[in-house]
Amino acid sequence: MDSFSTVIRTASHQQHVEAETSTFMSDLLGGRLGVDAYARYTEQLWFVYEALEAGAGRLAADPVAGPFIQPELFRLPALERDLSHLRGPGWRVGLSALPATRAYAERVRECAERWPAGYIAHHYTRYLGDLSGGQIIRDKAERTWGFEKKGDGVRFYVFEGIGNPAAFKRGYRELLDAVRADDLEKQRIVAECKRAFALNTAVFRALGEEFPLSA
């Protein structure tokens, strides 16, 4: 019988691929979009992580979600530093969420407040993705727009508190395998994981509409 971390990864594989291969992401990573599109994407991330991390303190004592609350993962301070670099010190003034981003952030907040096991699904799709595929984005961004290596503009992708990402991911998967949930609840977590990827893909779609490549 497969471990829960394997189940969750396999079950959401299709959605994961769809998110990664969205037109917007392909254009962004292909260097076909300007730094403004990258900055706009970074702004959308701020809303999602604000929702993820605003309730983290309260969830730290939760028997189900608590083990996942690890401060070395927190991205909000790094995101804010990146936005200050990308948009200037007054970045908060022009900050706006796309409707798709608002829907995503609201769902994350809802899980954080009412369903800790569902929160884990969002936690997993975001942070494990940042530790993995996020590194490809950082590398591309540094080369495409000339950001300093692991410096302002790409700090979101730099986990200074995690010395060995591979070992950290292993430990994270062990937490998933040990999650305090019965089989039915695990199925619900998997479904929420798929939903998280779908919400993320919707944000990419909306960004793609905002930054269409001229034919």
Protein backbone atom coordinates (compact mmCIF):
# COMPACT_ATOMS: atom_id res chain seq x y z
CA MET A 1 0.00 0.00 0.00
CA ASP A 2 1.33 3.40 -0.98
CA SER A 3 2.27 5.94 1.66
CA PHE A 4 0.02 9.01 1.94
CA SER A 5 2.72 11.32 0.56
CA THR A 6 2.93 9.10 -2.53
CA VAL A 7 -0.85 9.01 -2.89
CA ILE A 8 -1.13 12.79 -2.66
CA ARG A 9 1.68 13.33 -5.17
CA THR A 10 0.32 10.82 -7.70
CA ALA A 11 -3.29 11.93 -7.38
CA SER A 12 -2.46 15.57 -8.04
CA HIS A 13 0.13 14.94 -10.75
CA GLN A 14 -2.13 15.91 -13.64
CA GLN A 15 -3.14 19.22 -12.01
CA HIS A 16 0.48 19.89 -11.13
CA VAL A 17 1.55 19.51 -14.76
CA GLU A 18 -1.30 21.78 -15.92
CA ALA A 19 -0.20 24.51 -13.50
CA GLU A 20 3.47 24.22 -14.46
CA THR A 21 2.80 24.26 -18.20
CA SER A 22 0.31 27.14 -18.25
CA THR A 23 0.84 29.60 -21.11
CA PHE A 24 1.72 32.42 -18.73
CA MET A 25 4.36 30.36 -16.90
CA SER A 26 5.81 29.08 -20.19
CA ASP A 27 6.01 32.63 -21.56
CA LEU A 28 7.48 33.97 -18.33
CA LEU A 29 10.13 31.26 -18.06
CA GLY A 30 10.81 31.45 -21.77
CA GLY A 31 11.85 35.09 -21.36
CA ARG A 32 9.01 36.26 -23.61
CA LEU A 33 7.46 38.52 -20.98
CA GLY A 34 8.91 41.60 -19.32
CA VAL A 35 9.81 42.12 -15.69
CA ASP A 36 6.42 43.77 -15.16
CA ALA A 37 4.68 40.42 -15.66
CA TYR A 38 7.04 38.85 -13.13
CA ALA A 39 6.30 41.65 -10.64
CA ARG A 40 2.55 41.22 -11.16
CA TYR A 41 2.87 37.50 -10.51
CA THR A 42 4.86 38.24 -7.34
CA GLU A 43 2.05 40.55 -6.18
CA GLN A 44 -0.46 37.72 -6.58
CA LEU A 45 1.75 35.43 -4.53
CA TRP A 46 1.68 37.99 -1.70
CA PHE A 47 -2.09 37.55 -1.29
CA VAL A 48 -1.84 33.77 -1.20
CA TYR A 49 1.00 33.69 1.33
CA GLU A 50 -0.61 36.33 3.46
CA ALA A 51 -3.61 33.97 3.75
CA LEU A 52 -1.34 30.96 4.40
CA GLU A 53 0.79 32.63 7.05
CA ALA A 54 -1.68 34.94 8.80
CA GLY A 55 -3.33 31.96 10.49
CA ALA A 56 -0.15 29.94 10.99
CA GLY A 57 0.44 31.05 14.58
CA ARG A 58 -2.99 29.88 15.61
CA LEU A 59 -2.56 26.54 13.82
CA ALA A 60 0.80 25.80 15.46
CA ALA A 61 -0.98 24.14 18.39
CA ASP A 62 -3.41 22.20 16.20
CA PRO A 63 -2.89 18.39 16.43
CA VAL A 64 -3.36 17.92 12.67
CA ALA A 65 -1.80 21.00 11.05
CA GLY A 66 0.57 21.95 13.87
CA PRO A 67 3.56 19.79 12.82
CA PHE A 68 3.56 21.51 9.41
CA ILE A 69 3.91 25.02 10.80
CA GLN A 70 7.65 25.56 10.40
CA PRO A 71 8.86 29.17 10.49
CA GLU A 72 11.79 28.45 8.16
CA LEU A 73 9.22 28.03 5.39
CA PHE A 74 7.53 31.42 5.89
CA ARG A 75 7.72 33.50 2.72
CA LEU A 76 5.95 36.77 3.51
CA PRO A 77 8.97 38.84 4.67
CA ALA A 78 10.95 37.72 1.59
CA LEU A 79 8.01 38.49 -0.71
CA GLU A 80 7.68 41.97 0.77
CA ARG A 81 11.36 42.61 0.22
CA ASP A 82 11.05 41.46 -3.39
CA LEU A 83 8.02 43.68 -3.97
CA SER A 84 9.84 46.66 -2.50
CA HIS A 85 12.63 45.98 -4.99
CA LEU A 86 10.28 45.40 -7.94
CA ARG A 87 7.69 48.10 -7.29
CA GLY A 88 9.49 50.55 -5.02
CA PRO A 89 8.94 51.38 -1.33
CA GLY A 90 5.29 52.31 -1.91
CA TRP A 91 4.47 48.86 -3.35
CA ARG A 92 1.47 48.38 -1.02
CA VAL A 93 -0.39 51.33 -2.58
CA GLY A 94 -0.69 49.73 -6.01
CA LEU A 95 -1.16 46.18 -4.75
CA SER A 96 -4.26 44.51 -6.18
CA ALA A 97 -5.47 40.93 -6.34
CA LEU A 98 -6.92 39.45 -9.51
CA PRO A 99 -10.38 37.89 -8.90
CA ALA A 100 -8.80 34.43 -9.33
CA THR A 101 -6.18 35.29 -6.71
CA ARG A 102 -8.83 36.56 -4.33
CA ALA A 103 -10.74 33.27 -4.70
CA TYR A 104 -7.54 31.30 -4.05
CA ALA A 105 -6.58 33.33 -0.96
CA GLU A 106 -10.13 33.13 0.42
CA ARG A 107 -10.11 29.35 0.13
CA VAL A 108 -6.75 29.12 1.91
CA ARG A 109 -8.03 31.39 4.69
CA GLU A 110 -11.24 29.38 4.99
CA CYS A 111 -9.27 26.15 5.47
CA ALA A 112 -6.90 27.81 7.94
CA GLU A 113 -9.85 28.96 10.03
CA ARG A 114 -12.21 25.99 9.75
CA TRP A 115 -10.46 22.90 8.44
CA PRO A 116 -6.83 22.37 9.49
CA ALA A 117 -6.51 19.16 7.45
CA GLY A 118 -7.55 21.07 4.34
CA TYR A 119 -4.98 23.74 5.18
CA ILE A 120 -2.29 21.04 4.92
CA ALA A 121 -3.23 20.49 1.25
CA HIS A 122 -2.55 24.16 0.47
CA HIS A 123 0.58 24.20 2.61
CA TYR A 124 1.93 21.18 0.72
CA THR A 125 1.17 22.43 -2.80
CA ARG A 126 2.74 25.82 -2.12
CA TYR A 127 5.83 25.23 -0.02
CA LEU A 128 6.97 21.96 -1.52
CA GLY A 129 6.48 23.49 -4.95
CA ASP A 130 8.57 26.52 -3.97
CA LEU A 131 11.37 24.30 -2.73
CA SER A 132 11.32 22.32 -6.00
CA GLY A 133 10.10 24.04 -9.17
CA GLY A 134 10.51 27.45 -7.57
CA GLN A 135 14.25 27.10 -7.98
CA ILE A 136 13.84 26.92 -11.76
CA ILE A 137 11.87 30.19 -11.66
CA ARG A 138 14.57 31.85 -9.54
CA ASP A 139 17.32 30.79 -11.92
CA LYS A 140 15.36 32.02 -14.97
CA ALA A 141 14.48 35.32 -13.28
CA GLU A 142 18.11 36.00 -12.37
CA ARG A 143 19.24 35.35 -15.92
CA THR A 144 16.34 37.06 -17.71
CA TRP A 145 16.03 40.24 -15.66
CA GLY A 146 19.46 40.45 -14.11
CA PHE A 147 18.54 40.09 -10.44
CA GLU A 148 21.47 39.53 -8.13
CA LYS A 149 21.90 35.81 -7.43
CA LYS A 150 19.57 34.93 -4.53
CA GLY A 151 19.15 38.66 -3.95
CA ASP A 152 16.35 41.24 -3.98
CA GLY A 153 13.71 40.31 -6.54
CA VAL A 154 14.09 36.55 -6.06
CA ARG A 155 14.32 36.25 -2.26
CA PHE A 156 10.93 34.52 -2.24
CA TYR A 157 12.64 31.45 -3.74
CA VAL A 158 15.56 31.46 -1.29
CA PHE A 159 14.98 29.43 1.86
CA GLU A 160 17.82 30.61 4.05
CA GLY A 161 16.66 28.56 7.02
CA ILE A 162 16.77 25.29 5.06
CA GLY A 163 20.31 24.09 4.55
CA ASN A 164 19.43 20.81 2.86
CA PRO A 165 16.23 21.04 0.77
CA ALA A 166 16.28 17.32 -0.16
CA ALA A 167 16.42 16.27 3.50
CA PHE A 168 13.76 18.83 4.40
CA LYS A 169 11.42 17.47 1.71
CA ARG A 170 12.00 13.95 2.98
CA GLY A 171 11.06 15.07 6.48
CA TYR A 172 8.01 16.85 5.12
CA ARG A 173 6.82 13.71 3.35
CA GLU A 174 7.23 11.82 6.62
CA LEU A 175 4.95 14.39 8.27
CA LEU A 176 2.38 13.74 5.54
CA ASP A 177 2.64 10.00 6.07
CA ALA A 178 2.07 10.48 9.80
CA VAL A 179 -0.82 12.94 9.44
CA ARG A 180 -3.56 12.41 12.01
CA ALA A 181 -6.47 11.67 9.70
CA ASP A 182 -8.56 8.63 8.81
CA ASP A 183 -8.90 7.33 5.25
CA LEU A 184 -11.95 9.43 4.43
CA GLU A 185 -10.27 12.60 5.68
CA LYS A 186 -7.16 11.71 3.68
CA GLN A 187 -9.30 11.46 0.56
CA ARG A 188 -10.67 14.91 1.32
CA ILE A 189 -7.11 16.26 1.71
CA VAL A 190 -6.19 14.81 -1.69
CA ALA A 191 -9.29 16.43 -3.24
CA GLU A 192 -8.33 19.76 -1.65
CA CYS A 193 -4.83 19.37 -3.04
CA LYS A 194 -6.28 19.06 -6.54
CA ARG A 195 -8.42 22.09 -5.83
CA ALA A 196 -5.33 24.05 -4.76
CA PHE A 197 -3.63 23.31 -8.08
CA ALA A 198 -6.80 24.29 -9.96
CA LEU A 199 -6.98 27.60 -8.07
CA ASN A 200 -3.33 28.22 -8.86
CA THR A 201 -3.90 27.44 -12.55
CA ALA A 202 -6.81 29.91 -12.60
CA VAL A 203 -4.43 32.63 -11.39
CA PHE A 204 -2.00 31.76 -14.20
CA ARG A 205 -4.86 31.90 -16.70
CA ALA A 206 -5.89 35.35 -15.46
CA LEU A 207 -2.27 36.56 -15.63
CA GLY A 208 -2.04 35.18 -19.16
CA GLU A 209 -5.05 37.28 -20.12
CA GLU A 210 -3.45 40.34 -18.56
CA PHE A 211 -0.14 39.74 -20.34
CA PRO A 212 -1.01 38.28 -23.74
CA LEU A 213 1.87 37.94 -26.16
CA SER A 214 1.22 40.06 -29.23
CA ALA A 215 0.65 37.71 -32.12
